């Protein structure tokens, strides 16, 4: 299960949100899950004030493992999307450096109804 986060507009539903800092160009937030039964302890997020894009995300799990990523956005067709990501992850017995490039985006592709059928 890889770390992920919903868009900022819905954070208040899933997290207790604290404003950490705002330097006029970027704003940082600390998020703590409302549901404490999962492995996630907190998320620290930095948003670009001009675009609203998540430029850095830091996940901390209850077992002490952490993942930090920096994201770069680009225009693909009419959409602004994450085009690359760098970061680090570590936990008990592992360390990883991540350098990812996202390509071949396809938007609004047909999805067969069978995808949503119970298995």
N, C-alpha and C. Protein backbone atom coordinates (compact mmCIF):
# COMPACT_ATOMS: atom_id res chain seq x y z
N UNK A 1 0.85 -1.17 0.00
CA UNK A 1 0.00 0.00 0.00
C UNK A 1 0.89 1.24 0.00
N UNK A 2 0.91 1.99 -1.08
CA UNK A 2 1.77 3.16 -1.16
C UNK A 2 1.06 4.37 -0.57
N UNK A 3 1.83 5.32 -0.04
CA UNK A 3 1.21 6.50 0.55
C UNK A 3 0.50 7.35 -0.49
N UNK A 4 -0.62 7.89 -0.12
CA UNK A 4 -1.35 8.80 -1.01
C UNK A 4 -2.13 9.78 -0.16
N UNK A 5 -2.58 10.85 -0.83
CA UNK A 5 -3.31 11.89 -0.11
C UNK A 5 -4.37 12.47 -1.04
N UNK A 6 -5.52 12.75 -0.48
CA UNK A 6 -6.62 13.37 -1.23
C UNK A 6 -6.30 14.84 -1.50
N UNK A 7 -7.02 15.49 -2.41
CA UNK A 7 -6.81 16.92 -2.66
C UNK A 7 -7.11 17.76 -1.42
N UNK A 8 -6.46 18.92 -1.31
CA UNK A 8 -6.63 19.78 -0.13
C UNK A 8 -8.07 20.14 0.19
N UNK A 9 -8.94 20.22 -0.79
CA UNK A 9 -10.33 20.62 -0.54
C UNK A 9 -11.06 19.66 0.40
N UNK A 10 -10.61 18.42 0.51
CA UNK A 10 -11.29 17.45 1.36
C UNK A 10 -10.48 17.05 2.60
N UNK A 11 -9.35 17.69 2.84
CA UNK A 11 -8.54 17.32 3.98
C UNK A 11 -9.30 17.40 5.29
N UNK A 12 -10.11 18.42 5.49
CA UNK A 12 -10.82 18.59 6.75
C UNK A 12 -11.73 17.44 7.10
N UNK A 13 -12.17 16.69 6.11
CA UNK A 13 -13.02 15.52 6.36
C UNK A 13 -12.23 14.36 6.94
N UNK A 14 -11.00 14.16 6.44
CA UNK A 14 -10.22 12.99 6.83
C UNK A 14 -9.14 13.27 7.88
N UNK A 15 -8.78 14.55 8.05
CA UNK A 15 -7.64 14.89 8.92
C UNK A 15 -7.96 16.07 9.82
N UNK A 16 -7.26 16.13 10.95
CA UNK A 16 -7.16 17.34 11.75
C UNK A 16 -6.03 18.13 11.09
N UNK A 17 -6.33 19.33 10.61
CA UNK A 17 -5.38 20.11 9.82
C UNK A 17 -4.87 21.30 10.62
N UNK A 18 -3.54 21.46 10.66
CA UNK A 18 -2.91 22.58 11.34
C UNK A 18 -2.04 23.33 10.34
N UNK A 19 -2.21 24.66 10.28
CA UNK A 19 -1.34 25.51 9.48
C UNK A 19 0.00 25.61 10.20
N UNK A 20 1.09 25.26 9.53
CA UNK A 20 2.42 25.29 10.14
C UNK A 20 3.13 26.58 9.79
N UNK A 21 3.14 26.95 8.50
CA UNK A 21 3.83 28.17 8.09
C UNK A 21 3.31 28.64 6.74
N UNK A 22 3.50 29.93 6.47
CA UNK A 22 3.17 30.52 5.18
C UNK A 22 4.18 31.64 4.93
N UNK A 23 5.07 31.43 3.96
CA UNK A 23 6.11 32.43 3.68
C UNK A 23 5.75 33.35 2.52
N UNK A 24 4.50 33.30 2.07
CA UNK A 24 4.06 34.15 0.97
C UNK A 24 4.15 33.48 -0.39
N UNK A 25 4.92 32.40 -0.48
CA UNK A 25 4.98 31.66 -1.75
C UNK A 25 4.62 30.20 -1.57
N UNK A 26 4.76 29.68 -0.35
CA UNK A 26 4.40 28.30 -0.06
C UNK A 26 3.79 28.23 1.35
N UNK A 27 2.82 27.34 1.50
CA UNK A 27 2.16 27.15 2.79
C UNK A 27 2.32 25.70 3.20
N UNK A 28 2.67 25.47 4.46
CA UNK A 28 2.86 24.11 4.98
C UNK A 28 1.77 23.78 5.99
N UNK A 29 1.33 22.54 5.92
CA UNK A 29 0.28 22.04 6.80
C UNK A 29 0.72 20.74 7.44
N UNK A 30 0.21 20.49 8.65
CA UNK A 30 0.40 19.22 9.35
C UNK A 30 -0.97 18.56 9.45
N UNK A 31 -1.08 17.33 8.98
CA UNK A 31 -2.35 16.61 8.97
C UNK A 31 -2.24 15.36 9.83
N UNK A 32 -3.21 15.16 10.69
CA UNK A 32 -3.28 13.95 11.52
C UNK A 32 -4.61 13.27 11.20
N UNK A 33 -4.57 11.98 10.85
CA UNK A 33 -5.81 11.29 10.48
C UNK A 33 -6.86 11.30 11.60
N UNK A 34 -8.10 11.52 11.21
CA UNK A 34 -9.20 11.41 12.18
C UNK A 34 -9.41 9.95 12.56
N UNK A 35 -9.24 9.06 11.60
CA UNK A 35 -9.35 7.62 11.84
C UNK A 35 -7.97 7.12 12.27
N UNK A 36 -7.84 6.74 13.51
CA UNK A 36 -6.54 6.34 14.05
C UNK A 36 -6.30 4.84 13.99
N UNK A 37 -7.16 4.11 13.28
CA UNK A 37 -6.99 2.66 13.21
C UNK A 37 -6.00 2.22 12.13
N UNK A 38 -5.64 3.11 11.23
CA UNK A 38 -4.72 2.75 10.15
C UNK A 38 -3.28 2.98 10.53
N UNK A 39 -2.36 2.69 9.59
CA UNK A 39 -0.93 2.80 9.87
C UNK A 39 -0.39 4.24 9.81
N UNK A 40 -1.15 5.18 9.28
CA UNK A 40 -0.67 6.54 9.08
C UNK A 40 -0.73 7.34 10.37
N UNK A 41 0.41 7.95 10.77
CA UNK A 41 0.45 8.80 11.96
C UNK A 41 0.22 10.26 11.59
N UNK A 42 0.87 10.74 10.50
CA UNK A 42 0.71 12.13 10.11
C UNK A 42 1.24 12.35 8.70
N UNK A 43 0.87 13.51 8.15
CA UNK A 43 1.37 13.96 6.85
C UNK A 43 1.72 15.43 6.98
N UNK A 44 2.88 15.81 6.48
CA UNK A 44 3.26 17.21 6.37
C UNK A 44 3.28 17.53 4.88
N UNK A 45 2.56 18.59 4.49
CA UNK A 45 2.40 18.93 3.09
C UNK A 45 2.77 20.39 2.86
N UNK A 46 3.51 20.64 1.78
CA UNK A 46 3.79 22.01 1.37
C UNK A 46 3.08 22.25 0.05
N UNK A 47 2.27 23.34 0.02
CA UNK A 47 1.54 23.72 -1.18
C UNK A 47 2.14 24.99 -1.77
N UNK A 48 2.25 25.04 -3.08
CA UNK A 48 2.64 26.26 -3.78
C UNK A 48 1.45 27.20 -3.73
N UNK A 49 1.64 28.42 -3.19
CA UNK A 49 0.53 29.36 -3.02
C UNK A 49 -0.08 29.79 -4.36
N UNK A 50 0.72 29.90 -5.40
CA UNK A 50 0.22 30.39 -6.69
C UNK A 50 -0.60 29.34 -7.43
N UNK A 51 -0.22 28.07 -7.28
CA UNK A 51 -0.87 27.01 -8.08
C UNK A 51 -1.71 26.05 -7.25
N UNK A 52 -1.45 25.97 -5.95
CA UNK A 52 -2.14 24.99 -5.10
C UNK A 52 -1.55 23.60 -5.21
N UNK A 53 -0.48 23.45 -5.97
CA UNK A 53 0.14 22.14 -6.17
C UNK A 53 0.89 21.69 -4.92
N UNK A 54 0.82 20.39 -4.63
CA UNK A 54 1.55 19.81 -3.51
C UNK A 54 2.99 19.60 -3.96
N UNK A 55 3.90 20.45 -3.51
CA UNK A 55 5.28 20.36 -3.95
C UNK A 55 6.12 19.41 -3.11
N UNK A 56 5.74 19.24 -1.85
CA UNK A 56 6.42 18.27 -1.00
C UNK A 56 5.41 17.62 -0.07
N UNK A 57 5.56 16.30 0.10
CA UNK A 57 4.68 15.54 0.98
C UNK A 57 5.56 14.61 1.82
N UNK A 58 5.32 14.62 3.13
CA UNK A 58 6.09 13.78 4.07
C UNK A 58 5.11 12.95 4.89
N UNK A 59 5.15 11.63 4.70
CA UNK A 59 4.28 10.69 5.41
C UNK A 59 5.06 10.06 6.56
N UNK A 60 4.41 9.95 7.73
CA UNK A 60 4.99 9.25 8.87
C UNK A 60 3.98 8.20 9.31
N UNK A 61 4.43 6.95 9.40
CA UNK A 61 3.56 5.87 9.85
C UNK A 61 3.77 5.60 11.33
N UNK A 62 2.80 4.94 11.95
CA UNK A 62 2.86 4.66 13.38
C UNK A 62 4.02 3.73 13.72
N UNK A 63 4.53 2.97 12.75
CA UNK A 63 5.66 2.07 13.00
C UNK A 63 7.01 2.79 12.85
N UNK A 64 6.97 4.11 12.57
CA UNK A 64 8.20 4.89 12.45
C UNK A 64 8.73 5.03 11.04
N UNK A 65 8.17 4.31 10.08
CA UNK A 65 8.64 4.46 8.70
C UNK A 65 8.19 5.82 8.16
N UNK A 66 9.00 6.37 7.24
CA UNK A 66 8.73 7.69 6.68
C UNK A 66 9.00 7.71 5.19
N UNK A 67 8.22 8.51 4.47
CA UNK A 67 8.43 8.73 3.05
C UNK A 67 8.28 10.22 2.78
N UNK A 68 9.25 10.80 2.08
CA UNK A 68 9.19 12.20 1.68
C UNK A 68 9.36 12.27 0.18
N UNK A 69 8.46 13.02 -0.50
CA UNK A 69 8.58 13.19 -1.94
C UNK A 69 8.46 14.66 -2.31
N UNK A 70 9.21 15.04 -3.34
CA UNK A 70 9.08 16.35 -3.96
C UNK A 70 8.49 16.09 -5.34
N UNK A 71 7.47 16.84 -5.70
CA UNK A 71 6.75 16.61 -6.95
C UNK A 71 6.93 17.78 -7.89
N UNK A 72 7.08 17.48 -9.18
CA UNK A 72 7.15 18.49 -10.23
C UNK A 72 5.95 18.29 -11.14
N UNK A 73 5.28 19.39 -11.46
CA UNK A 73 4.08 19.34 -12.28
C UNK A 73 4.38 19.85 -13.68
N UNK A 74 3.59 19.39 -14.64
CA UNK A 74 3.70 19.85 -16.01
C UNK A 74 2.38 19.74 -16.72
N UNK A 75 2.29 20.42 -17.85
CA UNK A 75 1.06 20.43 -18.65
C UNK A 75 1.06 19.21 -19.57
N UNK A 76 0.00 18.42 -19.49
CA UNK A 76 -0.22 17.31 -20.41
C UNK A 76 -1.60 17.53 -21.00
N UNK A 77 -1.64 17.94 -22.26
CA UNK A 77 -2.92 18.34 -22.84
C UNK A 77 -3.46 19.54 -22.10
N UNK A 78 -4.68 19.42 -21.61
CA UNK A 78 -5.29 20.52 -20.84
C UNK A 78 -5.13 20.34 -19.34
N UNK A 79 -4.35 19.37 -18.92
CA UNK A 79 -4.27 19.01 -17.51
C UNK A 79 -2.89 19.29 -16.93
N UNK A 80 -2.87 19.82 -15.70
CA UNK A 80 -1.63 19.92 -14.93
C UNK A 80 -1.53 18.65 -14.10
N UNK A 81 -0.44 17.91 -14.28
CA UNK A 81 -0.28 16.64 -13.60
C UNK A 81 1.15 16.52 -13.05
N UNK A 82 1.33 15.59 -12.14
CA UNK A 82 2.67 15.29 -11.64
C UNK A 82 3.43 14.60 -12.78
N UNK A 83 4.57 15.17 -13.18
CA UNK A 83 5.37 14.58 -14.26
C UNK A 83 6.63 13.91 -13.72
N UNK A 84 7.05 14.29 -12.51
CA UNK A 84 8.18 13.61 -11.90
C UNK A 84 8.11 13.75 -10.39
N UNK A 85 8.84 12.84 -9.75
CA UNK A 85 8.81 12.79 -8.29
C UNK A 85 10.16 12.26 -7.82
N UNK A 86 10.73 12.90 -6.83
CA UNK A 86 11.94 12.39 -6.20
C UNK A 86 11.67 12.29 -4.70
N UNK A 87 12.38 11.41 -4.05
CA UNK A 87 12.16 11.31 -2.63
C UNK A 87 12.97 10.23 -1.96
N UNK A 88 12.68 10.05 -0.68
CA UNK A 88 13.35 9.07 0.15
C UNK A 88 12.31 8.37 1.02
N UNK A 89 12.59 7.11 1.31
CA UNK A 89 11.71 6.34 2.18
C UNK A 89 12.60 5.49 3.08
N UNK A 90 12.21 5.35 4.34
CA UNK A 90 12.97 4.48 5.23
C UNK A 90 12.07 3.94 6.32
N UNK A 91 12.47 2.80 6.80
CA UNK A 91 11.75 2.13 7.88
C UNK A 91 12.65 1.07 8.46
N UNK A 92 12.07 0.20 9.27
CA UNK A 92 12.85 -0.87 9.90
C UNK A 92 13.41 -1.78 8.81
N UNK A 93 14.72 -1.76 8.65
CA UNK A 93 15.37 -2.68 7.72
C UNK A 93 15.41 -2.24 6.27
N UNK A 94 15.02 -1.02 5.95
CA UNK A 94 15.11 -0.59 4.56
C UNK A 94 15.32 0.92 4.44
N UNK A 95 15.94 1.29 3.34
CA UNK A 95 16.09 2.68 2.92
C UNK A 95 15.95 2.67 1.41
N UNK A 96 15.29 3.69 0.87
CA UNK A 96 15.12 3.75 -0.59
C UNK A 96 15.15 5.20 -1.05
N UNK A 97 15.82 5.42 -2.17
CA UNK A 97 15.76 6.69 -2.88
C UNK A 97 14.85 6.48 -4.08
N UNK A 98 13.98 7.45 -4.32
CA UNK A 98 12.99 7.31 -5.39
C UNK A 98 13.18 8.43 -6.40
N UNK A 99 13.20 8.07 -7.68
CA UNK A 99 13.25 9.03 -8.77
C UNK A 99 12.32 8.50 -9.85
N UNK A 100 11.17 9.12 -10.00
CA UNK A 100 10.12 8.60 -10.87
C UNK A 100 9.73 9.63 -11.91
N UNK A 101 9.49 9.16 -13.13
CA UNK A 101 8.96 10.00 -14.20
C UNK A 101 7.64 9.39 -14.64
N UNK A 102 6.60 10.20 -14.72
CA UNK A 102 5.28 9.74 -15.14
C UNK A 102 5.05 10.16 -16.60
N UNK A 103 4.69 9.21 -17.45
CA UNK A 103 4.45 9.49 -18.86
C UNK A 103 3.21 8.76 -19.34
N UNK A 104 2.86 9.01 -20.57
CA UNK A 104 1.76 8.30 -21.24
C UNK A 104 0.43 8.43 -20.50
N UNK A 105 0.17 9.62 -19.97
CA UNK A 105 -1.12 9.86 -19.32
C UNK A 105 -2.24 9.67 -20.33
N UNK A 106 -3.31 9.07 -19.89
CA UNK A 106 -4.53 8.95 -20.69
C UNK A 106 -5.68 9.40 -19.81
N UNK A 107 -6.49 10.31 -20.32
CA UNK A 107 -7.57 10.88 -19.53
C UNK A 107 -8.92 10.42 -20.07
N UNK A 108 -9.87 10.25 -19.15
CA UNK A 108 -11.25 9.91 -19.50
C UNK A 108 -11.36 8.68 -20.39
N UNK A 109 -10.57 7.65 -20.07
CA UNK A 109 -10.64 6.41 -20.83
C UNK A 109 -11.86 5.62 -20.38
N UNK A 110 -12.48 4.88 -21.29
CA UNK A 110 -13.65 4.08 -20.90
C UNK A 110 -13.25 2.99 -19.90
N UNK A 111 -14.07 2.81 -18.88
CA UNK A 111 -13.84 1.78 -17.87
C UNK A 111 -15.01 0.82 -17.91
N UNK A 112 -14.76 -0.48 -18.19
CA UNK A 112 -15.86 -1.43 -18.26
C UNK A 112 -16.55 -1.59 -16.91
N UNK A 113 -17.86 -1.83 -16.92
CA UNK A 113 -18.63 -2.02 -15.70
C UNK A 113 -18.12 -3.15 -14.83
N UNK A 114 -17.47 -4.14 -15.43
CA UNK A 114 -16.95 -5.29 -14.67
C UNK A 114 -15.90 -4.88 -13.64
N UNK A 115 -15.26 -3.74 -13.84
CA UNK A 115 -14.26 -3.26 -12.89
C UNK A 115 -14.92 -2.98 -11.54
N UNK A 116 -16.18 -2.58 -11.56
CA UNK A 116 -16.88 -2.20 -10.32
C UNK A 116 -17.72 -3.33 -9.75
N UNK A 117 -17.74 -4.49 -10.40
CA UNK A 117 -18.52 -5.64 -9.92
C UNK A 117 -17.83 -6.26 -8.71
N UNK A 118 -18.62 -6.70 -7.72
CA UNK A 118 -18.03 -7.36 -6.55
C UNK A 118 -17.30 -8.64 -6.99
N UNK A 119 -16.18 -8.92 -6.33
CA UNK A 119 -15.42 -10.14 -6.66
C UNK A 119 -15.54 -11.16 -5.59
